[in-house]
């Protein structure tokens, strides 16, 4: 096991306390950023590739996931018409299963549609994407900053920078990488907004 894998086993709370930036996380949560969403984005950014070389493979995986969700929804619908086995059990369990059987196919199809919509959006963006320095990692950071701004009314660059540097250290990505601060996060966001404005203009 390499050091990055070992280090990544720490819980998010342990990482916050270990590197002493819990105040930055708590500040964003107090400003109405959802803590689960913030944890998700920080982990996603910390493990994101710096190049778009695996974009097509990711699209294929997303398309396969959408197909699998639709296929499972169809199987559940068929099972509702003709159950695969005689089920015996408590009434509460049977009722719960029937309720899931009624709701789950539609939720699975919604899930599949969400992936398909994201793939379609990505296909449109990839045709229009302007040249310039960008990567899955920096694109995710720009998206996180927009989420923070939408939730709080401000980008909170210092707090976001502290948390990004924390996750880089926790996942051993700090060596040779970017040290985030208010200045370079502001520049990253400015470039991202300019790229998006050009895309929407086209």
N, C-alpha and C. Protein backbone atom coordinates (compact mmCIF):
# COMPACT_ATOMS: atom_id res chain seq x y z
N UNK A 1 0.85 -1.20 0.00
CA UNK A 1 0.00 0.00 0.00
C UNK A 1 0.88 1.24 0.00
N UNK A 2 0.63 2.18 -0.92
CA UNK A 2 1.46 3.38 -0.95
C UNK A 2 0.97 4.39 0.08
N UNK A 3 1.79 5.42 0.41
CA UNK A 3 1.43 6.38 1.45
C UNK A 3 0.13 7.11 1.17
N UNK A 4 -0.15 7.40 -0.10
CA UNK A 4 -1.38 8.13 -0.43
C UNK A 4 -2.61 7.32 -0.06
N UNK A 5 -2.56 6.00 -0.36
CA UNK A 5 -3.70 5.15 -0.03
C UNK A 5 -3.88 5.06 1.49
N UNK A 6 -2.75 4.93 2.20
CA UNK A 6 -2.82 4.83 3.65
C UNK A 6 -3.38 6.10 4.25
N UNK A 7 -2.90 7.26 3.77
CA UNK A 7 -3.34 8.53 4.31
C UNK A 7 -4.81 8.78 4.02
N UNK A 8 -5.28 8.37 2.84
CA UNK A 8 -6.66 8.66 2.46
C UNK A 8 -7.67 7.88 3.30
N UNK A 9 -7.20 6.94 4.14
CA UNK A 9 -8.12 6.20 4.98
C UNK A 9 -8.58 7.01 6.19
N UNK A 10 -7.93 8.13 6.47
CA UNK A 10 -8.39 8.99 7.54
C UNK A 10 -9.80 9.49 7.23
N UNK A 11 -10.63 9.62 8.27
CA UNK A 11 -11.94 10.22 8.04
C UNK A 11 -11.76 11.70 7.75
N UNK A 12 -12.77 12.30 7.15
CA UNK A 12 -12.67 13.71 6.83
C UNK A 12 -12.46 14.54 8.09
N UNK A 13 -13.17 14.19 9.17
CA UNK A 13 -13.05 14.94 10.42
C UNK A 13 -11.64 14.81 10.99
N UNK A 14 -11.04 13.60 10.88
CA UNK A 14 -9.67 13.41 11.35
C UNK A 14 -8.69 14.25 10.55
N UNK A 15 -8.93 14.35 9.24
CA UNK A 15 -8.06 15.16 8.40
C UNK A 15 -8.18 16.63 8.79
N UNK A 16 -9.40 17.11 9.02
CA UNK A 16 -9.59 18.51 9.42
C UNK A 16 -8.83 18.82 10.70
N UNK A 17 -8.95 17.94 11.70
CA UNK A 17 -8.28 18.17 12.97
C UNK A 17 -6.77 18.01 12.84
N UNK A 18 -6.33 17.04 12.05
CA UNK A 18 -4.90 16.77 11.89
C UNK A 18 -4.17 17.97 11.30
N UNK A 19 -4.79 18.63 10.34
CA UNK A 19 -4.12 19.73 9.67
C UNK A 19 -4.62 21.10 10.15
N UNK A 20 -5.49 21.12 11.15
CA UNK A 20 -5.84 22.35 11.83
C UNK A 20 -6.61 23.38 11.03
N UNK A 21 -7.51 22.96 10.14
CA UNK A 21 -8.29 23.94 9.37
C UNK A 21 -9.80 23.71 9.55
N UNK A 22 -10.16 23.13 10.67
CA UNK A 22 -11.59 22.90 10.92
C UNK A 22 -12.35 24.22 10.92
N UNK A 23 -11.70 25.31 11.33
CA UNK A 23 -12.38 26.60 11.36
C UNK A 23 -12.84 27.01 9.96
N UNK A 24 -12.02 26.75 8.94
CA UNK A 24 -12.40 27.10 7.57
C UNK A 24 -13.63 26.32 7.14
N UNK A 25 -13.65 25.02 7.45
CA UNK A 25 -14.81 24.18 7.10
C UNK A 25 -16.05 24.67 7.83
N UNK A 26 -15.92 24.91 9.14
CA UNK A 26 -17.06 25.35 9.94
C UNK A 26 -17.59 26.71 9.48
N UNK A 27 -16.69 27.58 9.02
CA UNK A 27 -17.12 28.89 8.52
C UNK A 27 -18.03 28.74 7.32
N UNK A 28 -17.63 27.87 6.36
CA UNK A 28 -18.45 27.68 5.17
C UNK A 28 -19.78 27.02 5.50
N UNK A 29 -19.76 26.07 6.42
CA UNK A 29 -21.01 25.42 6.84
C UNK A 29 -21.92 26.41 7.53
N UNK A 30 -21.35 27.26 8.38
CA UNK A 30 -22.15 28.28 9.06
C UNK A 30 -22.76 29.26 8.07
N UNK A 31 -22.07 29.45 6.93
CA UNK A 31 -22.58 30.36 5.90
C UNK A 31 -23.57 29.66 4.96
N UNK A 32 -23.98 28.44 5.33
CA UNK A 32 -25.04 27.70 4.63
C UNK A 32 -24.55 26.83 3.47
N UNK A 33 -23.27 26.45 3.45
CA UNK A 33 -22.82 25.45 2.50
C UNK A 33 -23.09 24.08 3.11
N UNK A 34 -23.75 23.21 2.37
CA UNK A 34 -24.09 21.88 2.89
C UNK A 34 -22.81 21.10 3.19
N UNK A 35 -22.61 20.59 4.42
CA UNK A 35 -21.36 19.92 4.76
C UNK A 35 -21.09 18.66 3.95
N UNK A 36 -22.16 17.89 3.64
CA UNK A 36 -21.95 16.67 2.85
C UNK A 36 -21.50 17.01 1.44
N UNK A 37 -22.12 18.05 0.85
CA UNK A 37 -21.74 18.47 -0.49
C UNK A 37 -20.30 18.99 -0.49
N UNK A 38 -19.93 19.74 0.53
CA UNK A 38 -18.57 20.28 0.61
C UNK A 38 -17.54 19.16 0.74
N UNK A 39 -17.82 18.17 1.58
CA UNK A 39 -16.91 17.03 1.71
C UNK A 39 -16.77 16.29 0.39
N UNK A 40 -17.90 16.08 -0.30
CA UNK A 40 -17.87 15.38 -1.59
C UNK A 40 -16.96 16.10 -2.57
N UNK A 41 -17.16 17.42 -2.72
CA UNK A 41 -16.38 18.18 -3.70
C UNK A 41 -14.90 18.21 -3.35
N UNK A 42 -14.59 18.35 -2.07
CA UNK A 42 -13.18 18.40 -1.67
C UNK A 42 -12.48 17.07 -1.96
N UNK A 43 -13.15 15.96 -1.66
CA UNK A 43 -12.56 14.65 -1.96
C UNK A 43 -12.42 14.46 -3.48
N UNK A 44 -13.45 14.89 -4.22
CA UNK A 44 -13.42 14.75 -5.67
C UNK A 44 -12.28 15.56 -6.28
N UNK A 45 -12.09 16.77 -5.79
CA UNK A 45 -11.00 17.63 -6.28
C UNK A 45 -9.65 17.02 -5.95
N UNK A 46 -9.52 16.51 -4.71
CA UNK A 46 -8.23 15.97 -4.28
C UNK A 46 -7.80 14.77 -5.11
N UNK A 47 -8.75 14.02 -5.64
CA UNK A 47 -8.41 12.81 -6.40
C UNK A 47 -8.58 12.98 -7.91
N UNK A 48 -8.98 14.18 -8.34
CA UNK A 48 -9.24 14.41 -9.77
C UNK A 48 -7.94 14.42 -10.57
N UNK A 49 -7.97 13.92 -11.80
CA UNK A 49 -6.77 13.98 -12.65
C UNK A 49 -6.49 15.40 -13.09
N UNK A 50 -5.25 15.67 -13.45
CA UNK A 50 -4.87 17.01 -13.88
C UNK A 50 -4.99 17.18 -15.38
N UNK A 51 -5.25 16.07 -16.10
CA UNK A 51 -5.42 16.15 -17.54
C UNK A 51 -6.73 15.47 -17.94
N UNK A 52 -7.23 15.82 -19.12
CA UNK A 52 -8.49 15.27 -19.60
C UNK A 52 -8.29 14.00 -20.42
N UNK A 53 -7.19 13.32 -20.23
CA UNK A 53 -6.89 12.14 -21.04
C UNK A 53 -7.86 11.00 -20.87
N UNK A 54 -8.53 10.91 -19.70
CA UNK A 54 -9.44 9.79 -19.46
C UNK A 54 -10.89 10.19 -19.67
N UNK A 55 -11.12 11.34 -20.32
CA UNK A 55 -12.48 11.84 -20.50
C UNK A 55 -13.37 10.83 -21.23
N UNK A 56 -12.88 10.25 -22.34
CA UNK A 56 -13.71 9.33 -23.11
C UNK A 56 -14.05 8.08 -22.32
N UNK A 57 -13.07 7.57 -21.56
CA UNK A 57 -13.33 6.39 -20.74
C UNK A 57 -14.40 6.70 -19.68
N UNK A 58 -14.33 7.89 -19.10
CA UNK A 58 -15.34 8.29 -18.12
C UNK A 58 -16.72 8.40 -18.76
N UNK A 59 -16.77 8.91 -19.99
CA UNK A 59 -18.06 8.99 -20.69
C UNK A 59 -18.64 7.60 -20.91
N UNK A 60 -17.79 6.67 -21.31
CA UNK A 60 -18.27 5.30 -21.53
C UNK A 60 -18.81 4.71 -20.23
N UNK A 61 -18.09 4.93 -19.14
CA UNK A 61 -18.55 4.40 -17.85
C UNK A 61 -19.87 5.02 -17.44
N UNK A 62 -20.03 6.32 -17.67
CA UNK A 62 -21.28 6.99 -17.33
C UNK A 62 -22.42 6.45 -18.19
N UNK A 63 -22.16 6.23 -19.48
CA UNK A 63 -23.20 5.70 -20.38
C UNK A 63 -23.58 4.28 -19.96
N UNK A 64 -22.60 3.47 -19.57
CA UNK A 64 -22.88 2.11 -19.11
C UNK A 64 -23.72 2.13 -17.83
N UNK A 65 -23.41 3.09 -16.94
CA UNK A 65 -24.17 3.20 -15.70
C UNK A 65 -25.62 3.58 -15.98
N UNK A 66 -25.83 4.50 -16.91
CA UNK A 66 -27.20 4.88 -17.29
C UNK A 66 -27.94 3.69 -17.88
N UNK A 67 -27.27 2.93 -18.77
CA UNK A 67 -27.90 1.75 -19.36
C UNK A 67 -28.26 0.72 -18.30
N UNK A 68 -27.34 0.51 -17.34
CA UNK A 68 -27.59 -0.47 -16.28
C UNK A 68 -28.78 -0.06 -15.42
N UNK A 69 -28.88 1.24 -15.13
CA UNK A 69 -30.00 1.72 -14.31
C UNK A 69 -31.32 1.50 -15.04
N UNK A 70 -31.36 1.80 -16.35
CA UNK A 70 -32.60 1.58 -17.11
C UNK A 70 -32.94 0.10 -17.20
N UNK A 71 -31.92 -0.72 -17.40
CA UNK A 71 -32.15 -2.17 -17.49
C UNK A 71 -32.72 -2.71 -16.19
N UNK A 72 -32.16 -2.26 -15.07
CA UNK A 72 -32.66 -2.72 -13.77
C UNK A 72 -34.10 -2.25 -13.54
N UNK A 73 -34.40 -1.02 -13.96
CA UNK A 73 -35.77 -0.52 -13.83
C UNK A 73 -36.74 -1.40 -14.61
N UNK A 74 -36.36 -1.81 -15.82
CA UNK A 74 -37.21 -2.67 -16.63
C UNK A 74 -37.40 -4.05 -15.98
N UNK A 75 -36.33 -4.57 -15.38
CA UNK A 75 -36.44 -5.88 -14.71
C UNK A 75 -37.38 -5.80 -13.52
N UNK A 76 -37.31 -4.71 -12.77
CA UNK A 76 -38.19 -4.55 -11.61
C UNK A 76 -39.64 -4.43 -12.07
N UNK A 77 -39.87 -3.71 -13.17
CA UNK A 77 -41.23 -3.61 -13.72
C UNK A 77 -41.76 -4.99 -14.11
N UNK A 78 -40.91 -5.79 -14.78
CA UNK A 78 -41.34 -7.13 -15.18
C UNK A 78 -41.61 -8.01 -13.97
N UNK A 79 -40.79 -7.84 -12.92
CA UNK A 79 -40.99 -8.63 -11.70
C UNK A 79 -42.31 -8.27 -11.02
N UNK A 80 -42.73 -7.04 -11.17
CA UNK A 80 -44.00 -6.61 -10.57
C UNK A 80 -45.17 -7.30 -11.26
N UNK A 81 -45.02 -7.54 -12.56
CA UNK A 81 -46.07 -8.21 -13.32
C UNK A 81 -46.08 -9.70 -13.06
N UNK A 82 -44.90 -10.27 -12.86
CA UNK A 82 -44.79 -11.71 -12.64
C UNK A 82 -43.66 -11.96 -11.64
N UNK A 83 -43.96 -11.98 -10.34
CA UNK A 83 -42.91 -12.14 -9.33
C UNK A 83 -42.08 -13.40 -9.58
N UNK A 84 -40.75 -13.30 -9.36
CA UNK A 84 -39.87 -14.45 -9.62
C UNK A 84 -40.06 -15.59 -8.62
N UNK A 85 -40.66 -15.33 -7.47
CA UNK A 85 -40.86 -16.37 -6.47
C UNK A 85 -42.02 -15.99 -5.56
N UNK A 86 -42.60 -16.99 -4.93
CA UNK A 86 -43.64 -16.75 -3.94
C UNK A 86 -42.98 -16.21 -2.69
N UNK A 87 -43.43 -15.05 -2.25
CA UNK A 87 -42.78 -14.41 -1.11
C UNK A 87 -43.66 -14.55 0.12
N UNK A 88 -43.03 -15.03 1.19
CA UNK A 88 -43.71 -15.15 2.47
C UNK A 88 -42.96 -14.26 3.46
N UNK A 89 -43.67 -13.67 4.37
CA UNK A 89 -43.02 -12.84 5.37
C UNK A 89 -44.03 -11.98 6.10
N UNK A 90 -43.50 -11.12 6.95
CA UNK A 90 -44.37 -10.23 7.70
C UNK A 90 -45.00 -9.19 6.78
N UNK A 91 -46.21 -8.77 7.14
CA UNK A 91 -46.93 -7.82 6.29
C UNK A 91 -46.16 -6.52 6.12
N UNK A 92 -45.49 -6.05 7.18
CA UNK A 92 -44.75 -4.79 7.08
C UNK A 92 -43.62 -4.90 6.06
N UNK A 93 -42.92 -6.03 6.04
CA UNK A 93 -41.82 -6.24 5.10
C UNK A 93 -42.34 -6.31 3.67
N UNK A 94 -43.47 -7.04 3.49
CA UNK A 94 -44.04 -7.17 2.16
C UNK A 94 -44.52 -5.82 1.63
N UNK A 95 -45.17 -5.06 2.51
CA UNK A 95 -45.64 -3.73 2.10
C UNK A 95 -44.47 -2.81 1.73
N UNK A 96 -43.39 -2.90 2.52
CA UNK A 96 -42.22 -2.07 2.23
C UNK A 96 -41.62 -2.44 0.89
N UNK A 97 -41.55 -3.76 0.60
CA UNK A 97 -40.99 -4.20 -0.67
C UNK A 97 -41.86 -3.76 -1.84
N UNK A 98 -43.18 -3.88 -1.67
CA UNK A 98 -44.10 -3.47 -2.74
C UNK A 98 -44.00 -1.97 -2.99
N UNK A 99 -43.83 -1.19 -1.94
CA UNK A 99 -43.69 0.26 -2.09
C UNK A 99 -42.40 0.61 -2.84
N UNK A 100 -41.31 -0.08 -2.49
CA UNK A 100 -40.04 0.13 -3.22
C UNK A 100 -40.18 -0.30 -4.68
N UNK A 101 -40.86 -1.42 -4.88
CA UNK A 101 -41.05 -1.92 -6.25
C UNK A 101 -41.84 -0.93 -7.10
N UNK A 102 -42.73 -0.20 -6.44
CA UNK A 102 -43.54 0.79 -7.15
C UNK A 102 -42.73 2.04 -7.49
N UNK A 103 -41.86 2.48 -6.56
CA UNK A 103 -41.16 3.75 -6.73
C UNK A 103 -39.79 3.63 -7.40
N UNK A 104 -39.12 2.51 -7.17
CA UNK A 104 -37.71 2.41 -7.57
C UNK A 104 -37.48 2.52 -9.08
N UNK A 105 -38.30 1.86 -9.93
CA UNK A 105 -38.02 1.97 -11.37
C UNK A 105 -37.98 3.42 -11.87
N UNK A 106 -38.91 4.24 -11.40
CA UNK A 106 -38.94 5.63 -11.85
C UNK A 106 -37.71 6.38 -11.37
N UNK A 107 -37.28 6.11 -10.12
CA UNK A 107 -36.08 6.78 -9.60
C UNK A 107 -34.84 6.34 -10.38
N UNK A 108 -34.78 5.07 -10.74
CA UNK A 108 -33.66 4.58 -11.54
C UNK A 108 -33.64 5.24 -12.92
N UNK A 109 -34.81 5.41 -13.51
CA UNK A 109 -34.87 6.08 -14.83
C UNK A 109 -34.48 7.56 -14.71
N UNK A 110 -34.86 8.20 -13.61
CA UNK A 110 -34.44 9.58 -13.39
C UNK A 110 -32.92 9.65 -13.25
N UNK A 111 -32.36 8.68 -12.54
CA UNK A 111 -30.91 8.60 -12.37
C UNK A 111 -30.22 8.43 -13.72
N UNK A 112 -30.75 7.53 -14.55
CA UNK A 112 -30.19 7.31 -15.88
C UNK A 112 -30.29 8.59 -16.72
N UNK A 113 -31.43 9.25 -16.66
CA UNK A 113 -31.62 10.48 -17.43
C UNK A 113 -30.65 11.57 -16.99
N UNK A 114 -30.37 11.64 -15.69
CA UNK A 114 -29.41 12.64 -15.19
C UNK A 114 -28.03 12.41 -15.79
N UNK A 115 -27.59 11.14 -15.83
CA UNK A 115 -26.29 10.84 -16.44
C UNK A 115 -26.31 11.17 -17.92
N UNK A 116 -27.39 10.83 -18.60
CA UNK A 116 -27.48 11.09 -20.03
C UNK A 116 -27.46 12.59 -20.32
N UNK A 117 -28.13 13.37 -19.47
CA UNK A 117 -28.11 14.82 -19.64
C UNK A 117 -26.71 15.38 -19.43
N UNK A 118 -25.99 14.85 -18.43
CA UNK A 118 -24.62 15.30 -18.18
C UNK A 118 -23.70 14.93 -19.36
N UNK A 119 -23.88 13.73 -19.90
CA UNK A 119 -23.08 13.32 -21.06
C UNK A 119 -23.37 14.23 -22.24
N UNK A 120 -24.64 14.54 -22.46
CA UNK A 120 -25.01 15.42 -23.57
C UNK A 120 -24.41 16.80 -23.39
N UNK A 121 -24.47 17.33 -22.16
CA UNK A 121 -23.87 18.64 -21.87
C UNK A 121 -22.36 18.60 -22.13
N UNK A 122 -21.71 17.54 -21.65
CA UNK A 122 -20.27 17.42 -21.85
C UNK A 122 -19.92 17.34 -23.33
N UNK A 123 -20.72 16.63 -24.11
CA UNK A 123 -20.46 16.55 -25.55
C UNK A 123 -20.54 17.92 -26.20
N UNK A 124 -21.55 18.70 -25.80
CA UNK A 124 -21.67 20.06 -26.35
C UNK A 124 -20.50 20.94 -25.92
N UNK A 125 -20.12 20.83 -24.64
CA UNK A 125 -19.03 21.65 -24.13
C UNK A 125 -17.69 21.29 -24.76
N UNK A 126 -17.48 19.98 -25.00
CA UNK A 126 -16.19 19.56 -25.55
C UNK A 126 -16.00 20.09 -26.98
N UNK A 127 -17.11 20.25 -27.71
CA UNK A 127 -17.00 20.81 -29.06
C UNK A 127 -16.71 22.31 -29.02
N UNK A 128 -17.19 22.97 -27.95
CA UNK A 128 -17.04 24.42 -27.87
C UNK A 128 -15.89 24.85 -26.96
N UNK A 129 -15.33 23.90 -26.20
CA UNK A 129 -14.37 24.27 -25.16
C UNK A 129 -13.21 25.06 -25.72
N UNK A 130 -13.01 26.30 -25.24
CA UNK A 130 -11.89 27.10 -25.72
C UNK A 130 -10.56 26.52 -25.28
N UNK A 131 -9.52 26.87 -26.00
CA UNK A 131 -8.18 26.46 -25.63
C UNK A 131 -7.73 27.24 -24.40
N UNK A 132 -6.80 26.69 -23.67
CA UNK A 132 -6.27 27.40 -22.51
C UNK A 132 -6.06 26.45 -21.36
N UNK A 133 -5.37 26.92 -20.30
CA UNK A 133 -5.07 26.03 -19.18
C UNK A 133 -6.33 25.63 -18.42
N UNK A 134 -6.65 24.36 -18.45
CA UNK A 134 -7.77 23.83 -17.70
C UNK A 134 -7.57 22.34 -17.53
N UNK A 135 -8.26 21.76 -16.61
CA UNK A 135 -8.13 20.34 -16.33
C UNK A 135 -9.35 19.92 -15.53
N UNK A 136 -9.58 18.62 -15.40
CA UNK A 136 -10.70 18.19 -14.56
C UNK A 136 -10.59 18.77 -13.15
N UNK A 137 -9.37 18.85 -12.64
CA UNK A 137 -9.14 19.35 -11.28
C UNK A 137 -9.51 20.83 -11.16
N UNK A 138 -8.98 21.66 -12.06
CA UNK A 138 -9.27 23.09 -11.96
C UNK A 138 -10.74 23.38 -12.29
N UNK A 139 -11.32 22.62 -13.20
CA UNK A 139 -12.75 22.80 -13.49
C UNK A 139 -13.60 22.50 -12.26
N UNK A 140 -13.22 21.46 -11.50
CA UNK A 140 -13.97 21.12 -10.29
C UNK A 140 -13.79 22.20 -9.22
N UNK A 141 -12.59 22.77 -9.12
CA UNK A 141 -12.36 23.84 -8.15
C UNK A 141 -13.22 25.05 -8.50
N UNK A 142 -13.27 25.39 -9.79
CA UNK A 142 -14.12 26.51 -10.23
C UNK A 142 -15.58 26.23 -9.89
N UNK A 143 -16.03 24.98 -10.09
CA UNK A 143 -17.41 24.63 -9.77
C UNK A 143 -17.68 24.74 -8.27
N UNK A 144 -16.72 24.30 -7.44
CA UNK A 144 -16.88 24.43 -5.99
C UNK A 144 -16.99 25.90 -5.58
N UNK A 145 -16.16 26.74 -6.17
CA UNK A 145 -16.24 28.16 -5.85
C UNK A 145 -17.60 28.75 -6.21
N UNK A 146 -18.16 28.32 -7.34
CA UNK A 146 -19.48 28.81 -7.73
C UNK A 146 -20.56 28.31 -6.76
N UNK A 147 -20.42 27.07 -6.27
CA UNK A 147 -21.37 26.55 -5.28
C UNK A 147 -21.29 27.37 -4.00
N UNK A 148 -20.05 27.65 -3.56
CA UNK A 148 -19.87 28.45 -2.34
C UNK A 148 -20.49 29.84 -2.52
N UNK A 149 -20.26 30.45 -3.68
CA UNK A 149 -20.83 31.79 -3.93
C UNK A 149 -22.36 31.75 -3.95
N UNK A 150 -22.90 30.69 -4.58
CA UNK A 150 -24.36 30.58 -4.67
C UNK A 150 -24.98 30.41 -3.29
N UNK A 151 -24.30 29.65 -2.42
CA UNK A 151 -24.85 29.38 -1.08
C UNK A 151 -24.65 30.55 -0.12
N UNK A 152 -23.54 31.28 -0.28
CA UNK A 152 -23.16 32.27 0.74
C UNK A 152 -23.16 33.71 0.24
N UNK A 153 -23.16 33.90 -1.08
CA UNK A 153 -23.08 35.25 -1.62
C UNK A 153 -21.66 35.73 -1.85
N UNK A 154 -20.66 34.90 -1.52
CA UNK A 154 -19.26 35.27 -1.72
C UNK A 154 -18.45 34.02 -1.99
N UNK A 155 -17.26 34.19 -2.57
CA UNK A 155 -16.43 33.03 -2.92
C UNK A 155 -15.66 32.48 -1.72
N UNK A 156 -15.42 33.26 -0.71
CA UNK A 156 -14.68 32.81 0.48
C UNK A 156 -13.37 32.13 0.09
N UNK A 157 -12.58 32.83 -0.71
CA UNK A 157 -11.32 32.27 -1.20
C UNK A 157 -10.38 31.77 -0.09
N UNK A 158 -10.19 32.54 1.00
CA UNK A 158 -9.24 32.04 2.02
C UNK A 158 -9.64 30.70 2.61
N UNK A 159 -10.95 30.55 2.92
CA UNK A 159 -11.40 29.28 3.51
C UNK A 159 -11.30 28.13 2.51
N UNK A 160 -11.70 28.40 1.26
CA UNK A 160 -11.60 27.35 0.24
C UNK A 160 -10.14 26.97 0.01
N UNK A 161 -9.25 27.96 -0.02
CA UNK A 161 -7.82 27.68 -0.21
C UNK A 161 -7.29 26.80 0.90
N UNK A 162 -7.65 27.12 2.16
CA UNK A 162 -7.19 26.30 3.28
C UNK A 162 -7.64 24.85 3.13
N UNK A 163 -8.91 24.66 2.73
CA UNK A 163 -9.44 23.30 2.60
C UNK A 163 -8.81 22.55 1.43
N UNK A 164 -8.58 23.24 0.32
CA UNK A 164 -7.92 22.59 -0.83
C UNK A 164 -6.50 22.17 -0.47
N UNK A 165 -5.77 23.05 0.21
CA UNK A 165 -4.40 22.70 0.62
C UNK A 165 -4.41 21.54 1.61
N UNK A 166 -5.41 21.52 2.48
CA UNK A 166 -5.58 20.41 3.41
C UNK A 166 -5.76 19.09 2.68
N UNK A 167 -6.67 19.08 1.69
CA UNK A 167 -6.94 17.83 0.99
C UNK A 167 -5.74 17.40 0.16
N UNK A 168 -5.00 18.36 -0.39
CA UNK A 168 -3.78 18.01 -1.13
C UNK A 168 -2.79 17.32 -0.21
N UNK A 169 -2.64 17.84 1.01
CA UNK A 169 -1.73 17.20 1.96
C UNK A 169 -2.24 15.83 2.37
N UNK A 170 -3.54 15.74 2.62
CA UNK A 170 -4.12 14.46 3.06
C UNK A 170 -3.97 13.37 2.01
N UNK A 171 -4.03 13.75 0.73
CA UNK A 171 -3.91 12.78 -0.34
C UNK A 171 -2.53 12.81 -0.99
N UNK A 172 -1.57 13.43 -0.28
CA UNK A 172 -0.18 13.49 -0.74
C UNK A 172 -0.04 14.09 -2.12
N UNK A 173 -0.83 15.14 -2.41
CA UNK A 173 -0.73 15.80 -3.71
C UNK A 173 -0.04 17.14 -3.59
N UNK A 174 0.40 17.50 -2.38
CA UNK A 174 0.98 18.82 -2.17
C UNK A 174 2.35 18.99 -2.80
N UNK A 175 3.11 17.92 -2.92
CA UNK A 175 4.47 18.03 -3.44
C UNK A 175 4.46 18.37 -4.92
N UNK A 176 5.03 19.51 -5.23
CA UNK A 176 5.13 19.91 -6.63
C UNK A 176 3.85 20.44 -7.21
N UNK A 177 2.78 20.51 -6.41
CA UNK A 177 1.51 21.00 -6.92
C UNK A 177 1.32 22.47 -6.58
N UNK A 178 0.12 22.95 -6.85
CA UNK A 178 -0.19 24.35 -6.58
C UNK A 178 -0.51 24.55 -5.11
N UNK A 179 0.06 25.59 -4.53
CA UNK A 179 -0.35 25.99 -3.19
C UNK A 179 -1.44 27.02 -3.37
N UNK A 180 -2.65 26.70 -2.90
CA UNK A 180 -3.79 27.57 -3.16
C UNK A 180 -3.82 28.74 -2.20
N UNK A 181 -4.15 29.91 -2.74
CA UNK A 181 -4.35 31.10 -1.92
C UNK A 181 -5.42 31.97 -2.57
N UNK A 182 -5.75 33.08 -1.94
CA UNK A 182 -6.82 33.93 -2.44
C UNK A 182 -6.53 34.43 -3.85
N UNK A 183 -5.26 34.75 -4.12
CA UNK A 183 -4.90 35.31 -5.43
C UNK A 183 -5.09 34.30 -6.55
N UNK A 184 -4.48 33.10 -6.42
CA UNK A 184 -4.58 32.17 -7.55
C UNK A 184 -5.96 31.55 -7.69
N UNK A 185 -6.73 31.46 -6.60
CA UNK A 185 -8.12 31.01 -6.74
C UNK A 185 -8.95 32.05 -7.47
N UNK A 186 -8.70 33.33 -7.17
CA UNK A 186 -9.42 34.40 -7.88
C UNK A 186 -9.10 34.38 -9.37
N UNK A 187 -7.83 34.15 -9.70
CA UNK A 187 -7.44 34.07 -11.12
C UNK A 187 -8.08 32.87 -11.80
N UNK A 188 -8.08 31.74 -11.11
CA UNK A 188 -8.70 30.53 -11.67
C UNK A 188 -10.18 30.78 -11.95
N UNK A 189 -10.88 31.40 -10.99
CA UNK A 189 -12.30 31.63 -11.17
C UNK A 189 -12.57 32.63 -12.29
N UNK A 190 -11.72 33.65 -12.40
CA UNK A 190 -11.87 34.64 -13.47
C UNK A 190 -11.74 33.96 -14.84
N UNK A 191 -10.73 33.10 -14.99
CA UNK A 191 -10.54 32.38 -16.27
C UNK A 191 -11.72 31.47 -16.55
N UNK A 192 -12.21 30.78 -15.51
CA UNK A 192 -13.34 29.86 -15.70
C UNK A 192 -14.59 30.61 -16.15
N UNK A 193 -14.85 31.75 -15.55
CA UNK A 193 -16.03 32.53 -15.91
C UNK A 193 -15.90 33.07 -17.34
N UNK A 194 -14.69 33.47 -17.73
CA UNK A 194 -14.47 33.95 -19.09
C UNK A 194 -14.69 32.82 -20.11
N UNK A 195 -14.20 31.62 -19.79
CA UNK A 195 -14.41 30.48 -20.69
C UNK A 195 -15.89 30.18 -20.84
N UNK A 196 -16.61 30.18 -19.71
CA UNK A 196 -18.03 29.87 -19.76
C UNK A 196 -18.80 30.95 -20.55
N UNK A 197 -18.40 32.21 -20.38
CA UNK A 197 -19.07 33.28 -21.13
C UNK A 197 -18.90 33.09 -22.63
N UNK A 198 -17.70 32.65 -23.05
CA UNK A 198 -17.46 32.40 -24.47
C UNK A 198 -18.28 31.23 -24.97
N UNK A 199 -18.38 30.19 -24.13
CA UNK A 199 -19.17 29.01 -24.52
C UNK A 199 -20.64 29.39 -24.69
N UNK A 200 -21.18 30.14 -23.73
CA UNK A 200 -22.59 30.51 -23.80
C UNK A 200 -22.86 31.48 -24.94
N UNK A 201 -21.88 32.30 -25.27
CA UNK A 201 -22.02 33.24 -26.38
C UNK A 201 -22.11 32.50 -27.70
N UNK A 202 -21.32 31.41 -27.82
CA UNK A 202 -21.36 30.60 -29.06
C UNK A 202 -22.69 29.89 -29.16
